[in-house]
Structure formats: C-alpha cells, structure tokens
C-alpha atoms as a PDB file:
ATOM      1  CA  MET A   1     124.929 133.128  98.636  1.00  0.00           C
ATOM      2  CA  GLN A   2     121.521 133.675 100.228  1.00  0.00           C
ATOM      3  CA  GLY A   3     119.959 134.021  96.740  1.00  0.00           C
ATOM      4  CA  ILE A   4     121.093 130.526  95.804  1.00  0.00           C
ATOM      5  CA  ASP A   5     119.563 129.055  98.943  1.00  0.00           C
ATOM      6  CA  THR A   6     116.315 130.915  98.328  1.00  0.00           C
ATOM      7  CA  GLN A   7     116.245 129.738  94.716  1.00  0.00           C
ATOM      8  CA  SER A   8     116.904 126.136  95.783  1.00  0.00           C
ATOM      9  CA  GLN A   9     114.154 126.343  98.379  1.00  0.00           C
ATOM     10  CA  ALA A  10     111.769 127.757  95.797  1.00  0.00           C
ATOM     11  CA  ASN A  11     112.604 124.926  93.382  1.00  0.00           C
ATOM     12  CA  VAL A  12     112.078 122.275  96.054  1.00  0.00           C
ATOM     13  CA  ALA A  13     108.776 123.846  97.112  1.00  0.00           C
ATOM     14  CA  ARG A  14     107.593 124.059  93.494  1.00  0.00           C
ATOM     15  CA  MET A  15     108.496 120.410  92.905  1.00  0.00           C
ATOM     16  CA  GLU A  16     106.734 119.325  96.106  1.00  0.00           C
ATOM     17  CA  HIS A  17     103.640 121.308  95.103  1.00  0.00           C
ATOM     18  CA  GLN A  18     103.636 119.592  91.707  1.00  0.00           C
ATOM     19  CA  ILE A  19     103.964 116.155  93.291  1.00  0.00           C
ATOM     20  CA  LEU A  20     101.198 116.943  95.761  1.00  0.00           C
ATOM     21  CA  ASP A  21      98.952 118.186  92.952  1.00  0.00           C
ATOM     22  CA  HIS A  22      99.454 114.892  91.078  1.00  0.00           C
ATOM     23  CA  VAL A  23      98.722 112.833  94.188  1.00  0.00           C
ATOM     24  CA  LYS A  24      95.714 115.040  94.980  1.00  0.00           C
ATOM     25  CA  GLN A  25      94.379 114.476  91.464  1.00  0.00           C
ATOM     26  CA  ALA A  26      94.960 110.721  91.782  1.00  0.00           C
ATOM     27  CA  LEU A  27      93.060 110.763  95.071  1.00  0.00           C
ATOM     28  CA  ARG A  28      90.148 112.603  93.463  1.00  0.00           C
ATOM     29  CA  VAL A  29      90.073 110.115  90.581  1.00  0.00           C
ATOM     30  CA  THR A  30      90.128 107.222  93.046  1.00  0.00           C
ATOM     31  CA  LEU A  31      87.361 108.754  95.166  1.00  0.00           C
ATOM     32  CA  GLY A  32      85.201 109.244  92.078  1.00  0.00           C
ATOM     33  CA  TRP A  33      85.769 105.720  90.787  1.00  0.00           C
ATOM     34  CA  LYS A  34      82.398 104.043  90.252  1.00  0.00           C
ATOM     35  CA  VAL A  35      82.678 100.347  91.034  1.00  0.00           C
ATOM     36  CA  PRO A  36      80.075  97.640  91.463  1.00  0.00           C
ATOM     37  CA  SER A  37      79.655  96.409  95.020  1.00  0.00           C
ATOM     38  CA  SER A  38      81.742  93.363  94.132  1.00  0.00           C
ATOM     39  CA  GLY A  39      84.682  95.656  93.313  1.00  0.00           C
ATOM     40  CA  LEU A  40      84.467  97.752  96.463  1.00  0.00           C
ATOM     41  CA  SER A  41      87.454  96.056  98.095  1.00  0.00           C
ATOM     42  CA  ARG A  42      89.656  97.265  95.243  1.00  0.00           C
ATOM     43  CA  LYS A  43      88.391 100.841  95.637  1.00  0.00           C
ATOM     44  CA  VAL A  44      88.868 100.731  99.418  1.00  0.00           C
ATOM     45  CA  SER A  45      92.428  99.528  98.906  1.00  0.00           C
ATOM     46  CA  SER A  46      93.124 102.197  96.284  1.00  0.00           C
ATOM     47  CA  VAL A  47      91.681 105.017  98.390  1.00  0.00           C
ATOM     48  CA  ARG A  48      93.715 103.827 101.383  1.00  0.00           C
ATOM     49  CA  PHE A  49      96.951 103.686  99.371  1.00  0.00           C
ATOM     50  CA  THR A  50      96.405 107.045  97.669  1.00  0.00           C
ATOM     51  CA  PHE A  51      95.288 108.796 100.863  1.00  0.00           C
ATOM     52  CA  GLN A  52      98.364 107.555 102.737  1.00  0.00           C
ATOM     53  CA  SER A  53     100.592 108.870  99.950  1.00  0.00           C
ATOM     54  CA  PHE A  54      98.703 112.167  99.948  1.00  0.00           C
ATOM     55  CA  GLN A  55      99.109 112.500 103.714  1.00  0.00           C
ATOM     56  CA  ARG A  56     102.887 111.938 103.536  1.00  0.00           C
ATOM     57  CA  HIS A  57     103.375 114.456 100.719  1.00  0.00           C
ATOM     58  CA  LEU A  58     101.125 117.029 102.359  1.00  0.00           C
ATOM     59  CA  GLU A  59     102.987 116.749 105.674  1.00  0.00           C
ATOM     60  CA  ARG A  60     106.305 117.129 103.874  1.00  0.00           C
ATOM     61  CA  LEU A  61     105.131 120.214 101.997  1.00  0.00           C
ATOM     62  CA  MET A  62     103.700 121.883 105.097  1.00  0.00           C
ATOM     63  CA  ASP A  63     106.954 121.198 106.976  1.00  0.00           C
ATOM     64  CA  LEU A  64     108.934 122.763 104.126  1.00  0.00           C
ATOM     65  CA  GLU A  65     106.680 125.805 104.042  1.00  0.00           C
ATOM     66  CA  GLU A  66     106.950 126.341 107.778  1.00  0.00           C
ATOM     67  CA  GLN A  67     110.650 125.684 108.265  1.00  0.00           C
ATOM     68  CA  ASP A  68     112.422 126.779 105.103  1.00  0.00           C
ATOM     69  CA  GLY A  69     109.765 128.106 102.829  1.00  0.00           C
ATOM     70  CA  TYR A  70     107.585 131.051 102.106  1.00  0.00           C
ATOM     71  CA  MET A  71     106.439 131.585 105.683  1.00  0.00           C
ATOM     72  CA  VAL A  72     109.918 132.578 106.811  1.00  0.00           C
ATOM     73  CA  LEU A  73     110.434 134.618 103.649  1.00  0.00           C
ATOM     74  CA  VAL A  74     107.197 136.589 104.103  1.00  0.00           C
ATOM     75  CA  ALA A  75     108.035 137.268 107.751  1.00  0.00           C
ATOM     76  CA  GLU A  76     111.367 138.741 106.681  1.00  0.00           C
ATOM     77  CA  MET A  77     110.190 140.661 103.616  1.00  0.00           C
ATOM     78  CA  LYS A  78     106.719 141.837 104.667  1.00  0.00           C
ATOM     79  CA  PRO A  79     106.285 141.765 108.440  1.00  0.00           C
ATOM     80  CA  ASN A  80     103.146 143.913 108.012  1.00  0.00           C
ATOM     81  CA  ILE A  81     101.268 140.930 106.513  1.00  0.00           C
ATOM     82  CA  PHE A  82     102.669 138.311 108.862  1.00  0.00           C
ATOM     83  CA  SER A  83      99.235 137.891 110.492  1.00  0.00           C
ATOM     84  CA  ARG A  84      98.131 136.182 107.255  1.00  0.00           C
ATOM     85  CA  VAL A  85     101.057 133.768 107.561  1.00  0.00           C
ATOM     86  CA  GLU A  86     100.023 133.019 111.127  1.00  0.00           C
ATOM     87  CA  ARG A  87      96.482 132.284 109.904  1.00  0.00           C
ATOM     88  CA  LEU A  88      97.883 129.911 107.261  1.00  0.00           C
ATOM     89  CA  GLU A  89     100.036 128.219 109.909  1.00  0.00           C
ATOM     90  CA  GLN A  90      96.888 127.736 112.005  1.00  0.00           C
ATOM     91  CA  GLU A  91      95.219 126.168 108.976  1.00  0.00           C
ATOM     92  CA  HIS A  92      98.185 123.764 108.755  1.00  0.00           C
ATOM     93  CA  VAL A  93      97.374 122.699 112.327  1.00  0.00           C
ATOM     94  CA  GLU A  94      93.707 122.218 111.417  1.00  0.00           C
ATOM     95  CA  ILE A  95      94.585 120.265 108.270  1.00  0.00           C
ATOM     96  CA  ARG A  96      97.006 118.048 110.202  1.00  0.00           C
ATOM     97  CA  ASN A  97      94.335 117.412 112.844  1.00  0.00           C
ATOM     98  CA  ALA A  98      91.808 116.463 110.171  1.00  0.00           C
ATOM     99  CA  MET A  99      94.346 114.147 108.551  1.00  0.00           C
ATOM    100  CA  HIS A 100      95.119 112.495 111.897  1.00  0.00           C
ATOM    101  CA  VAL A 101      91.415 111.823 112.405  1.00  0.00           C
ATOM    102  CA  LEU A 102      90.805 110.575 108.858  1.00  0.00           C
ATOM    103  CA  LEU A 103      93.888 108.412 108.424  1.00  0.00           C
ATOM    104  CA  PRO A 104      92.932 105.778 111.039  1.00  0.00           C
ATOM    105  CA  GLU A 105      89.381 105.752 109.665  1.00  0.00           C
ATOM    106  CA  VAL A 106      90.668 105.131 106.150  1.00  0.00           C
ATOM    107  CA  GLU A 107      93.055 102.446 107.358  1.00  0.00           C
ATOM    108  CA  ALA A 108      90.393 100.654 109.426  1.00  0.00           C
ATOM    109  CA  ILE A 109      87.546 100.683 106.901  1.00  0.00           C
ATOM    110  CA  SER A 110      86.638  97.433 105.206  1.00  0.00           C
ATOM    111  CA  GLU A 111      84.850  96.603 101.992  1.00  0.00           C
ATOM    112  CA  TYR A 112      81.905  95.402 104.067  1.00  0.00           C
ATOM    113  CA  GLN A 113      81.276  98.904 105.438  1.00  0.00           C
ATOM    114  CA  SER A 114      80.062 100.556 102.262  1.00  0.00           C
ATOM    115  CA  GLU A 115      78.028 103.306 103.948  1.00  0.00           C
ATOM    116  CA  GLU A 116      80.857 104.182 106.333  1.00  0.00           C
ATOM    117  CA  PHE A 117      83.296 104.110 103.433  1.00  0.00           C
ATOM    118  CA  GLU A 118      81.173 106.580 101.458  1.00  0.00           C
ATOM    119  CA  GLU A 119      81.059 108.884 104.495  1.00  0.00           C
ATOM    120  CA  VAL A 120      84.848 108.764 104.834  1.00  0.00           C
ATOM    121  CA  CYS A 121      85.207 109.474 101.114  1.00  0.00           C
ATOM    122  CA  GLU A 122      82.958 112.529 101.522  1.00  0.00           C
ATOM    123  CA  GLU A 123      85.083 113.731 104.460  1.00  0.00           C
ATOM    124  CA  ILE A 124      88.191 113.384 102.296  1.00  0.00           C
ATOM    125  CA  CYS A 125      86.514 115.435  99.536  1.00  0.00           C
ATOM    126  CA  VAL A 126      85.687 118.188 102.037  1.00  0.00           C
ATOM    127  CA  LEU A 127      89.296 118.161 103.230  1.00  0.00           C
ATOM    128  CA  LEU A 128      90.565 118.399  99.648  1.00  0.00           C
ATOM    129  CA  GLU A 129      88.368 121.450  99.083  1.00  0.00           C
ATOM    130  CA  GLN A 130      89.748 123.050 102.259  1.00  0.00           C
ATOM    131  CA  ILE A 131      93.290 122.377 101.072  1.00  0.00           C
ATOM    132  CA  ASP A 132      92.499 123.874  97.652  1.00  0.00           C
ATOM    133  CA  ARG A 133      91.285 127.085  99.328  1.00  0.00           C
ATOM    134  CA  HIS A 134      94.373 127.096 101.541  1.00  0.00           C
ATOM    135  CA  ASP A 135      96.661 126.698  98.521  1.00  0.00           C
ATOM    136  CA  GLU A 136      94.929 129.578  96.742  1.00  0.00           C
ATOM    137  CA  GLU A 137      95.498 131.848  99.752  1.00  0.00           C
ATOM    138  CA  GLU A 138      99.164 130.816  99.886  1.00  0.00           C
ATOM    139  CA  ILE A 139      99.561 131.690  96.213  1.00  0.00           C
ATOM    140  CA  ARG A 140      97.927 135.107  96.717  1.00  0.00           C
ATOM    141  CA  LEU A 141     100.189 135.795  99.679  1.00  0.00           C
ATOM    142  CA  LEU A 142     103.303 134.817  97.754  1.00  0.00           C
ATOM    143  CA  GLN A 143     102.310 136.933  94.779  1.00  0.00           C
ATOM    144  CA  GLU A 144     101.735 139.945  96.997  1.00  0.00           C
ATOM    145  CA  THR A 145     105.048 139.390  98.748  1.00  0.00           C
ATOM    146  CA  MET A 146     107.163 138.822  95.661  1.00  0.00           C
ATOM    147  CA  LEU A 147     105.459 140.958  93.025  1.00  0.00           C
ATOM    148  CA  MET A 148     104.194 144.072  94.778  1.00  0.00           C
ATOM    149  CA  ASP A 149     106.321 147.138  94.273  1.00  0.00           C
ATOM    150  CA  GLU A 150     106.773 149.099  97.472  1.00  0.00           C
ATOM    151  CA  GLY A 151     107.509 152.326  95.599  1.00  0.00           C
ATOM    152  CA  GLY A 152     109.623 155.077  97.091  1.00  0.00           C
ATOM    153  CA  GLU A 153     112.021 155.478  94.166  1.00  0.00           C
ATOM    154  CA  GLY A 154     111.336 159.026  93.310  1.00  0.00           C
END
C-alpha cells in the first residue's frame, strides 16, 4: 500500500511543479512586459496578481515537499545525503522570508512609483533565479536518490 501513496504523492508533486512552472513563466512574461508610462497601472496590477498567485503556489509546493514529498523520501532512502535535504529546507526558509518581504512591497506599490516598481520587479527576477537554482538542485537530489544503483548484488 505504501507504493500507492508514494505514487500519489509523486503525481501531486509533479502536477504542482507544472502549475508553478506555468505561473512562474506568466510572472516572467508580466515582468518583461514593455508598457508606455500611461499603461503602467495595468502592469502594476498584473505583476501584483501574478506574484500573489506565484506566492500561493510556491508555498503549497514547498509545504508538500517538506511534509509528504521528496524530503521525507530522501531521509528514509538515503540518510547519507540528508545534509543536502537540510540545506534545501534552509533555502525554503530563505525563499519564504524573501517572499514575505516582497509581497507587501508588491501589494503597496502604485503606478506613480515607477522607479520603486522597477526595483521591486528586479528583486522578483533575482528571486526567480534563486528558485530556478533551487529547483535544479532538488531535481539532482531526486535523480541521485531514485536512479543511483547501490550495487552489492554479486
């Protein structure tokens, strides 16, 4: 029965990753949107909406990873590389902290603060790059955990 639960968890995590990737791409498109100064209010509104959605999906995915996902699985299957999981968990804390700083800034910004808005957009881009690197490390860790043969058969 454990295999079914693990498979279900893997399917949920894969789906959440796909959703987050779509929202992340939408956020990047919105951040890169070139608008005349008269259209800045629309961009501010779009960035706010997309960033809020991104934050909710990212929080959900990190919660899944920590509580029911790969982090528990790696700890059980490969305790020798658990220090890498702990490092990724620490990155979750850092990412959450960055999100909690950025979210009020995004929500409070107005179309009349174009320089401040551009700075916030740059901070979001930096955060997205950090999350991309984090995701790549998670993928490497999962591949090592699930695909590496331990040997010992002969």
